[in-house]
Amino acid sequence: MMSVDETLRVIWADAALIAIDKPAGLLAVPGRGDNKQDCLSRRVQSHWPDAQVVHRLDMATSGLMLFARGAAMQRRLSKTFAARQVKKDYVAVVAGRVPASCGRIELPLAADWPNRPLQKVDPINGKVSLTEWQMLAYDASADSSRLAVQPHTGRTHQLRVHLAAIGHPILGDALYASDVVRDRALRLLLHARALQLAHPASGESLALQCDTPF
């Protein structure tokens, strides 16, 4: 991990892209209102003025977030994400014991407009959404499962909604878990721990990783 300043955990930086380990609780991009202007994109741009957002993480989620250096690299990386050519790997700690060693969740998702920003499973109007998961460990004393989770589509709140929909909400989730499950953790226990993609300049395979903080 490179050191730029105490506000940024830099995993990778070169002439084409920057990868940052975003802390939980920090916005990815500015929100509405004067109190929501501090965010990862502005912190990164204070060091790399040409940095441009390629994808986002929820405010409550920690882990790897990429920035492109300049418009040309942003176009290339955006196309790579849109074509689903980026392998994403998350860690989540969920309530209960999942019923198998691995599984797939294929539930269409759509915005829950009366309750924005919430999303919901919507068989009629929802967009195709696919998540795969593998059991990493079960903690009997806490009755929680640690999972490796891979979203193959990039819907808003996809992992949070999918895991809650199968009866295993993420601990600390203030949006999709019951109050009891939410209060079992001080933060959302969801972390983007790895990304694998073709480097937008060289075309070589680039594997990025950052430690899970929980």
C-alpha atoms as a PDB file:
ATOM      1  CA  MET A   1       0.000   0.000   0.000  1.00  0.00           C
ATOM      2  CA  MET A   2       1.376   3.373  -1.030  1.00  0.00           C
ATOM      3  CA  SER A   3       1.269   6.396   1.255  1.00  0.00           C
ATOM      4  CA  VAL A   4      -0.022   9.696  -0.124  1.00  0.00           C
ATOM      5  CA  ASP A   5      -1.643  11.144   2.985  1.00  0.00           C
ATOM      6  CA  GLU A   6      -3.539   9.809   5.950  1.00  0.00           C
ATOM      7  CA  THR A   7      -6.912  10.139   4.185  1.00  0.00           C
ATOM      8  CA  LEU A   8      -6.058   7.843   1.261  1.00  0.00           C
ATOM      9  CA  ARG A   9      -5.143   4.155   1.236  1.00  0.00           C
ATOM     10  CA  VAL A  10      -3.567   3.829  -2.196  1.00  0.00           C
ATOM     11  CA  ILE A  11      -3.337   0.256  -3.504  1.00  0.00           C
ATOM     12  CA  TRP A  12      -2.156   1.093  -7.028  1.00  0.00           C
ATOM     13  CA  ALA A  13      -1.303   4.247  -8.946  1.00  0.00           C
ATOM     14  CA  ASP A  14       0.183   4.683 -12.412  1.00  0.00           C
ATOM     15  CA  ALA A  15      -0.324   6.866 -15.485  1.00  0.00           C
ATOM     16  CA  ALA A  16      -3.591   5.097 -16.407  1.00  0.00           C
ATOM     17  CA  LEU A  17      -5.473   4.341 -13.203  1.00  0.00           C
ATOM     18  CA  ILE A  18      -5.580   4.614  -9.434  1.00  0.00           C
ATOM     19  CA  ALA A  19      -6.981   2.058  -6.988  1.00  0.00           C
ATOM     20  CA  ILE A  20      -7.972   3.172  -3.504  1.00  0.00           C
ATOM     21  CA  ASP A  21      -9.132   1.203  -0.461  1.00  0.00           C
ATOM     22  CA  LYS A  22     -12.221   3.275   0.443  1.00  0.00           C
ATOM     23  CA  PRO A  23     -13.101   3.305   4.144  1.00  0.00           C
ATOM     24  CA  ALA A  24     -16.648   2.523   5.255  1.00  0.00           C
ATOM     25  CA  GLY A  25     -18.688   5.642   5.932  1.00  0.00           C
ATOM     26  CA  LEU A  26     -17.104   7.795   3.217  1.00  0.00           C
ATOM     27  CA  LEU A  27     -19.128   8.800   0.161  1.00  0.00           C
ATOM     28  CA  ALA A  28     -17.709   7.695  -3.190  1.00  0.00           C
ATOM     29  CA  VAL A  29     -18.819  10.912  -4.923  1.00  0.00           C
ATOM     30  CA  PRO A  30     -20.342  14.164  -3.650  1.00  0.00           C
ATOM     31  CA  GLY A  31     -23.913  14.034  -2.395  1.00  0.00           C
ATOM     32  CA  ARG A  32     -26.577  16.693  -2.153  1.00  0.00           C
ATOM     33  CA  GLY A  33     -25.984  19.333   0.479  1.00  0.00           C
ATOM     34  CA  ASP A  34     -22.981  21.140   1.892  1.00  0.00           C
ATOM     35  CA  ASN A  35     -22.427  18.388   4.471  1.00  0.00           C
ATOM     36  CA  LYS A  36     -21.977  15.736   1.764  1.00  0.00           C
ATOM     37  CA  GLN A  37     -19.141  17.230  -0.237  1.00  0.00           C
ATOM     38  CA  ASP A  38     -16.295  15.306   1.422  1.00  0.00           C
ATOM     39  CA  CYS A  39     -15.918  12.115  -0.587  1.00  0.00           C
ATOM     40  CA  LEU A  40     -13.321   9.751  -2.007  1.00  0.00           C
ATOM     41  CA  SER A  41     -13.387  11.226  -5.522  1.00  0.00           C
ATOM     42  CA  ARG A  42     -12.545  14.721  -4.256  1.00  0.00           C
ATOM     43  CA  ARG A  43      -9.802  13.436  -1.988  1.00  0.00           C
ATOM     44  CA  VAL A  44      -8.260  11.546  -4.906  1.00  0.00           C
ATOM     45  CA  GLN A  45      -8.590  14.543  -7.250  1.00  0.00           C
ATOM     46  CA  SER A  46      -6.738  16.728  -4.740  1.00  0.00           C
ATOM     47  CA  HIS A  47      -3.654  14.603  -5.516  1.00  0.00           C
ATOM     48  CA  TRP A  48      -4.438  13.553  -9.107  1.00  0.00           C
ATOM     49  CA  PRO A  49      -6.508  16.328 -10.749  1.00  0.00           C
ATOM     50  CA  ASP A  50      -7.115  14.195 -13.855  1.00  0.00           C
ATOM     51  CA  ALA A  51      -8.689  11.324 -11.841  1.00  0.00           C
ATOM     52  CA  GLN A  52     -12.180  10.407 -13.004  1.00  0.00           C
ATOM     53  CA  VAL A  53     -14.767   8.099 -11.444  1.00  0.00           C
ATOM     54  CA  VAL A  54     -15.296   4.752 -13.184  1.00  0.00           C
ATOM     55  CA  HIS A  55     -17.556   2.912 -10.730  1.00  0.00           C
ATOM     56  CA  ARG A  56     -18.867   3.448  -7.213  1.00  0.00           C
ATOM     57  CA  LEU A  57     -19.208   1.751  -3.859  1.00  0.00           C
ATOM     58  CA  ASP A  58     -21.985   2.383  -1.363  1.00  0.00           C
ATOM     59  CA  MET A  59     -21.065   4.809   1.389  1.00  0.00           C
ATOM     60  CA  ALA A  60     -21.348   1.988   3.938  1.00  0.00           C
ATOM     61  CA  THR A  61     -19.153  -0.417   1.938  1.00  0.00           C
ATOM     62  CA  SER A  62     -15.366  -0.440   2.181  1.00  0.00           C
ATOM     63  CA  GLY A  63     -12.789  -1.651  -0.292  1.00  0.00           C
ATOM     64  CA  LEU A  64     -11.359  -1.256  -3.770  1.00  0.00           C
ATOM     65  CA  MET A  65     -12.524   1.589  -5.962  1.00  0.00           C
ATOM     66  CA  LEU A  66     -10.885   2.497  -9.275  1.00  0.00           C
ATOM     67  CA  PHE A  67     -10.276   5.897 -10.836  1.00  0.00           C
ATOM     68  CA  ALA A  68      -9.165   6.530 -14.413  1.00  0.00           C
ATOM     69  CA  ARG A  69      -6.416   9.028 -15.284  1.00  0.00           C
ATOM     70  CA  GLY A  70      -8.023  11.227 -17.940  1.00  0.00           C
ATOM     71  CA  ALA A  71     -11.003  10.916 -20.279  1.00  0.00           C
ATOM     72  CA  ALA A  72      -9.526   8.304 -22.618  1.00  0.00           C
ATOM     73  CA  MET A  73      -8.749   5.887 -19.793  1.00  0.00           C
ATOM     74  CA  GLN A  74     -12.149   6.537 -18.265  1.00  0.00           C
ATOM     75  CA  ARG A  75     -13.823   5.499 -21.522  1.00  0.00           C
ATOM     76  CA  ARG A  76     -11.757   2.314 -21.700  1.00  0.00           C
ATOM     77  CA  LEU A  77     -12.374   1.347 -18.095  1.00  0.00           C
ATOM     78  CA  SER A  78     -16.072   2.197 -18.293  1.00  0.00           C
ATOM     79  CA  LYS A  79     -16.428  -0.077 -21.326  1.00  0.00           C
ATOM     80  CA  THR A  80     -14.605  -2.836 -19.431  1.00  0.00           C
ATOM     81  CA  PHE A  81     -17.038  -2.567 -16.526  1.00  0.00           C
ATOM     82  CA  ALA A  82     -20.074  -2.320 -18.829  1.00  0.00           C
ATOM     83  CA  ALA A  83     -18.982  -5.463 -20.679  1.00  0.00           C
ATOM     84  CA  ARG A  84     -18.696  -7.299 -17.333  1.00  0.00           C
ATOM     85  CA  GLN A  85     -15.011  -7.959 -17.922  1.00  0.00           C
ATOM     86  CA  VAL A  86     -14.029  -7.009 -14.379  1.00  0.00           C
ATOM     87  CA  LYS A  87     -14.003  -9.788 -11.795  1.00  0.00           C
ATOM     88  CA  LYS A  88     -15.187  -8.444  -8.431  1.00  0.00           C
ATOM     89  CA  ASP A  89     -14.766 -10.276  -5.153  1.00  0.00           C
ATOM     90  CA  TYR A  90     -16.314  -9.140  -1.869  1.00  0.00           C
ATOM     91  CA  VAL A  91     -16.395 -10.455   1.680  1.00  0.00           C
ATOM     92  CA  ALA A  92     -19.664 -10.277   3.615  1.00  0.00           C
ATOM     93  CA  VAL A  93     -20.635 -11.448   7.085  1.00  0.00           C
ATOM     94  CA  VAL A  94     -24.304 -12.401   7.167  1.00  0.00           C
ATOM     95  CA  ALA A  95     -26.806 -13.499   9.772  1.00  0.00           C
ATOM     96  CA  GLY A  96     -27.376 -17.235  10.197  1.00  0.00           C
ATOM     97  CA  ARG A  97     -25.850 -20.265   8.581  1.00  0.00           C
ATOM     98  CA  VAL A  98     -26.168 -20.420   4.805  1.00  0.00           C
ATOM     99  CA  PRO A  99     -27.604 -23.752   3.609  1.00  0.00           C
ATOM    100  CA  ALA A 100     -24.753 -24.910   1.355  1.00  0.00           C
ATOM    101  CA  SER A 101     -21.068 -24.418   0.616  1.00  0.00           C
ATOM    102  CA  CYS A 102     -21.859 -22.219  -2.396  1.00  0.00           C
ATOM    103  CA  GLY A 103     -24.778 -20.873  -4.363  1.00  0.00           C
ATOM    104  CA  ARG A 104     -26.207 -18.498  -6.962  1.00  0.00           C
ATOM    105  CA  ILE A 105     -28.808 -15.779  -6.488  1.00  0.00           C
ATOM    106  CA  GLU A 106     -30.686 -14.800  -9.642  1.00  0.00           C
ATOM    107  CA  LEU A 107     -33.331 -12.293  -8.614  1.00  0.00           C
ATOM    108  CA  PRO A 108     -34.270  -9.271 -10.773  1.00  0.00           C
ATOM    109  CA  LEU A 109     -33.810  -5.920  -9.044  1.00  0.00           C
ATOM    110  CA  ALA A 110     -35.460  -2.531  -9.430  1.00  0.00           C
ATOM    111  CA  ALA A 111     -35.658   0.751  -7.557  1.00  0.00           C
ATOM    112  CA  ASP A 112     -38.226   0.848  -4.758  1.00  0.00           C
ATOM    113  CA  TRP A 113     -39.412   4.296  -5.824  1.00  0.00           C
ATOM    114  CA  PRO A 114     -41.674   5.114  -2.839  1.00  0.00           C
ATOM    115  CA  ASN A 115     -38.773   4.215  -0.532  1.00  0.00           C
ATOM    116  CA  ARG A 116     -35.751   5.556  -2.375  1.00  0.00           C
ATOM    117  CA  PRO A 117     -32.824   4.913  -2.203  1.00  0.00           C
ATOM    118  CA  LEU A 118     -33.934   1.350  -1.423  1.00  0.00           C
ATOM    119  CA  GLN A 119     -33.969  -1.323  -4.090  1.00  0.00           C
ATOM    120  CA  LYS A 120     -36.205  -4.388  -4.241  1.00  0.00           C
ATOM    121  CA  VAL A 121     -36.687  -7.756  -5.913  1.00  0.00           C
ATOM    122  CA  ASP A 122     -39.111  -7.102  -8.783  1.00  0.00           C
ATOM    123  CA  PRO A 123     -39.999 -10.062 -11.054  1.00  0.00           C
ATOM    124  CA  ILE A 124     -41.965  -7.797 -13.422  1.00  0.00           C
ATOM    125  CA  ASN A 125     -39.885  -4.654 -13.867  1.00  0.00           C
ATOM    126  CA  GLY A 126     -36.559  -5.675 -12.369  1.00  0.00           C
ATOM    127  CA  LYS A 127     -33.290  -5.971 -14.279  1.00  0.00           C
ATOM    128  CA  VAL A 128     -31.514  -9.309 -14.507  1.00  0.00           C
ATOM    129  CA  SER A 129     -29.138  -9.623 -11.539  1.00  0.00           C
ATOM    130  CA  LEU A 130     -26.738 -12.440 -10.663  1.00  0.00           C
ATOM    131  CA  THR A 131     -24.685 -13.002  -7.525  1.00  0.00           C
ATOM    132  CA  GLU A 132     -22.543 -16.020  -6.643  1.00  0.00           C
ATOM    133  CA  TRP A 133     -21.331 -16.821  -3.137  1.00  0.00           C
ATOM    134  CA  GLN A 134     -19.102 -19.309  -1.314  1.00  0.00           C
ATOM    135  CA  MET A 135     -19.015 -20.106   2.388  1.00  0.00           C
ATOM    136  CA  LEU A 136     -15.698 -19.177   3.986  1.00  0.00           C
ATOM    137  CA  ALA A 137     -16.518 -19.875   7.636  1.00  0.00           C
ATOM    138  CA  TYR A 138     -19.391 -20.248  10.077  1.00  0.00           C
ATOM    139  CA  ASP A 139     -19.199 -18.736  13.558  1.00  0.00           C
ATOM    140  CA  ALA A 140     -21.497 -20.806  15.737  1.00  0.00           C
ATOM    141  CA  SER A 141     -21.157 -18.512  18.756  1.00  0.00           C
ATOM    142  CA  ALA A 142     -22.333 -15.517  16.724  1.00  0.00           C
ATOM    143  CA  ASP A 143     -24.572 -17.510  14.365  1.00  0.00           C
ATOM    144  CA  SER A 144     -23.054 -15.736  11.371  1.00  0.00           C
ATOM    145  CA  SER A 145     -21.530 -16.840   8.070  1.00  0.00           C
ATOM    146  CA  ARG A 146     -18.513 -15.280   6.364  1.00  0.00           C
ATOM    147  CA  LEU A 147     -18.968 -15.400   2.602  1.00  0.00           C
ATOM    148  CA  ALA A 148     -16.982 -14.646  -0.509  1.00  0.00           C
ATOM    149  CA  VAL A 149     -19.418 -12.906  -2.842  1.00  0.00           C
ATOM    150  CA  GLN A 150     -19.132 -12.119  -6.552  1.00  0.00           C
ATOM    151  CA  PRO A 151     -21.625  -9.842  -8.308  1.00  0.00           C
ATOM    152  CA  HIS A 152     -21.802 -10.617 -12.028  1.00  0.00           C
ATOM    153  CA  THR A 153     -24.045  -7.628 -12.617  1.00  0.00           C
ATOM    154  CA  GLY A 154     -23.660  -4.185 -11.111  1.00  0.00           C
ATOM    155  CA  ARG A 155     -27.078  -3.228  -9.771  1.00  0.00           C
ATOM    156  CA  THR A 156     -27.446  -0.693  -6.983  1.00  0.00           C
ATOM    157  CA  HIS A 157     -27.240  -2.405  -3.555  1.00  0.00           C
ATOM    158  CA  GLN A 158     -27.201  -5.767  -5.366  1.00  0.00           C
ATOM    159  CA  LEU A 159     -25.308  -7.785  -2.766  1.00  0.00           C
ATOM    160  CA  ARG A 160     -27.242  -6.282   0.123  1.00  0.00           C
ATOM    161  CA  VAL A 161     -30.650  -6.947  -1.448  1.00  0.00           C
ATOM    162  CA  HIS A 162     -29.783 -10.425  -2.751  1.00  0.00           C
ATOM    163  CA  LEU A 163     -28.408 -11.678   0.561  1.00  0.00           C
ATOM    164  CA  ALA A 164     -31.331 -10.241   2.501  1.00  0.00           C
ATOM    165  CA  ALA A 165     -33.740 -11.812   0.005  1.00  0.00           C
ATOM    166  CA  ILE A 166     -32.439 -15.326   0.717  1.00  0.00           C
ATOM    167  CA  GLY A 167     -32.813 -14.785   4.448  1.00  0.00           C
ATOM    168  CA  HIS A 168     -29.209 -13.878   5.290  1.00  0.00           C
ATOM    169  CA  PRO A 169     -28.924 -10.085   5.572  1.00  0.00           C
ATOM    170  CA  ILE A 170     -25.503  -8.544   6.059  1.00  0.00           C
ATOM    171  CA  LEU A 171     -24.654  -7.620   9.639  1.00  0.00           C
ATOM    172  CA  GLY A 172     -24.734  -3.881  10.208  1.00  0.00           C
ATOM    173  CA  ASP A 173     -27.013  -3.195   7.228  1.00  0.00           C
ATOM    174  CA  ALA A 174     -29.155  -0.175   8.108  1.00  0.00           C
ATOM    175  CA  LEU A 175     -31.273  -0.505   4.948  1.00  0.00           C
ATOM    176  CA  TYR A 176     -32.111  -4.170   4.433  1.00  0.00           C
ATOM    177  CA  ALA A 177     -31.641  -5.889   7.806  1.00  0.00           C
ATOM    178  CA  SER A 178     -33.855  -5.936  10.864  1.00  0.00           C
ATOM    179  CA  ASP A 179     -32.870  -3.685  13.744  1.00  0.00           C
ATOM    180  CA  VAL A 180     -31.478  -6.704  15.586  1.00  0.00           C
ATOM    181  CA  VAL A 181     -29.231  -7.743  12.689  1.00  0.00           C
ATOM    182  CA  ARG A 182     -28.220  -4.139  11.999  1.00  0.00           C
ATOM    183  CA  ASP A 183     -27.132  -3.660  15.592  1.00  0.00           C
ATOM    184  CA  ARG A 184     -24.916  -6.754  15.579  1.00  0.00           C
ATOM    185  CA  ALA A 185     -22.121  -4.752  13.917  1.00  0.00           C
ATOM    186  CA  LEU A 186     -20.873  -1.176  14.155  1.00  0.00           C
ATOM    187  CA  ARG A 187     -20.705  -0.933  10.355  1.00  0.00           C
ATOM    188  CA  LEU A 188     -21.945  -2.763   7.278  1.00  0.00           C
ATOM    189  CA  LEU A 189     -19.814  -5.918   7.087  1.00  0.00           C
ATOM    190  CA  LEU A 190     -19.285  -5.767   3.331  1.00  0.00           C
ATOM    191  CA  HIS A 191     -15.862  -5.208   1.778  1.00  0.00           C
ATOM    192  CA  ALA A 192     -14.663  -5.141  -1.838  1.00  0.00           C
ATOM    193  CA  ARG A 193     -11.457  -7.097  -1.393  1.00  0.00           C
ATOM    194  CA  ALA A 194     -10.314  -7.851  -4.965  1.00  0.00           C
ATOM    195  CA  LEU A 195     -10.625  -6.725  -8.573  1.00  0.00           C
ATOM    196  CA  GLN A 196      -9.189  -8.386 -11.664  1.00  0.00           C
ATOM    197  CA  LEU A 197      -9.213  -6.734 -15.074  1.00  0.00           C
ATOM    198  CA  ALA A 198      -7.163  -5.964 -18.155  1.00  0.00           C
ATOM    199  CA  HIS A 199      -4.984  -2.904 -17.620  1.00  0.00           C
ATOM    200  CA  PRO A 200      -6.496  -0.154 -19.815  1.00  0.00           C
ATOM    201  CA  ALA A 201      -3.122   0.910 -21.216  1.00  0.00           C
ATOM    202  CA  SER A 202      -1.061  -2.291 -21.494  1.00  0.00           C
ATOM    203  CA  GLY A 203      -3.825  -4.890 -21.748  1.00  0.00           C
ATOM    204  CA  GLU A 204      -2.017  -7.068 -19.221  1.00  0.00           C
ATOM    205  CA  SER A 205      -3.977  -8.770 -16.462  1.00  0.00           C
ATOM    206  CA  LEU A 206      -4.108  -6.661 -13.313  1.00  0.00           C
ATOM    207  CA  ALA A 207      -5.069  -8.244  -9.978  1.00  0.00           C
ATOM    208  CA  LEU A 208      -5.717  -5.846  -7.111  1.00  0.00           C
ATOM    209  CA  GLN A 209      -6.351  -6.805  -3.493  1.00  0.00           C
ATOM    210  CA  CYS A 210      -6.832  -5.116  -0.132  1.00  0.00           C
ATOM    211  CA  ASP A 211      -7.176  -6.590   3.332  1.00  0.00           C
ATOM    212  CA  THR A 212     -10.606  -7.128   4.842  1.00  0.00           C
ATOM    213  CA  PRO A 213     -10.899  -4.942   7.984  1.00  0.00           C
ATOM    214  CA  PHE A 214     -13.338  -7.190   9.863  1.00  0.00           C
END
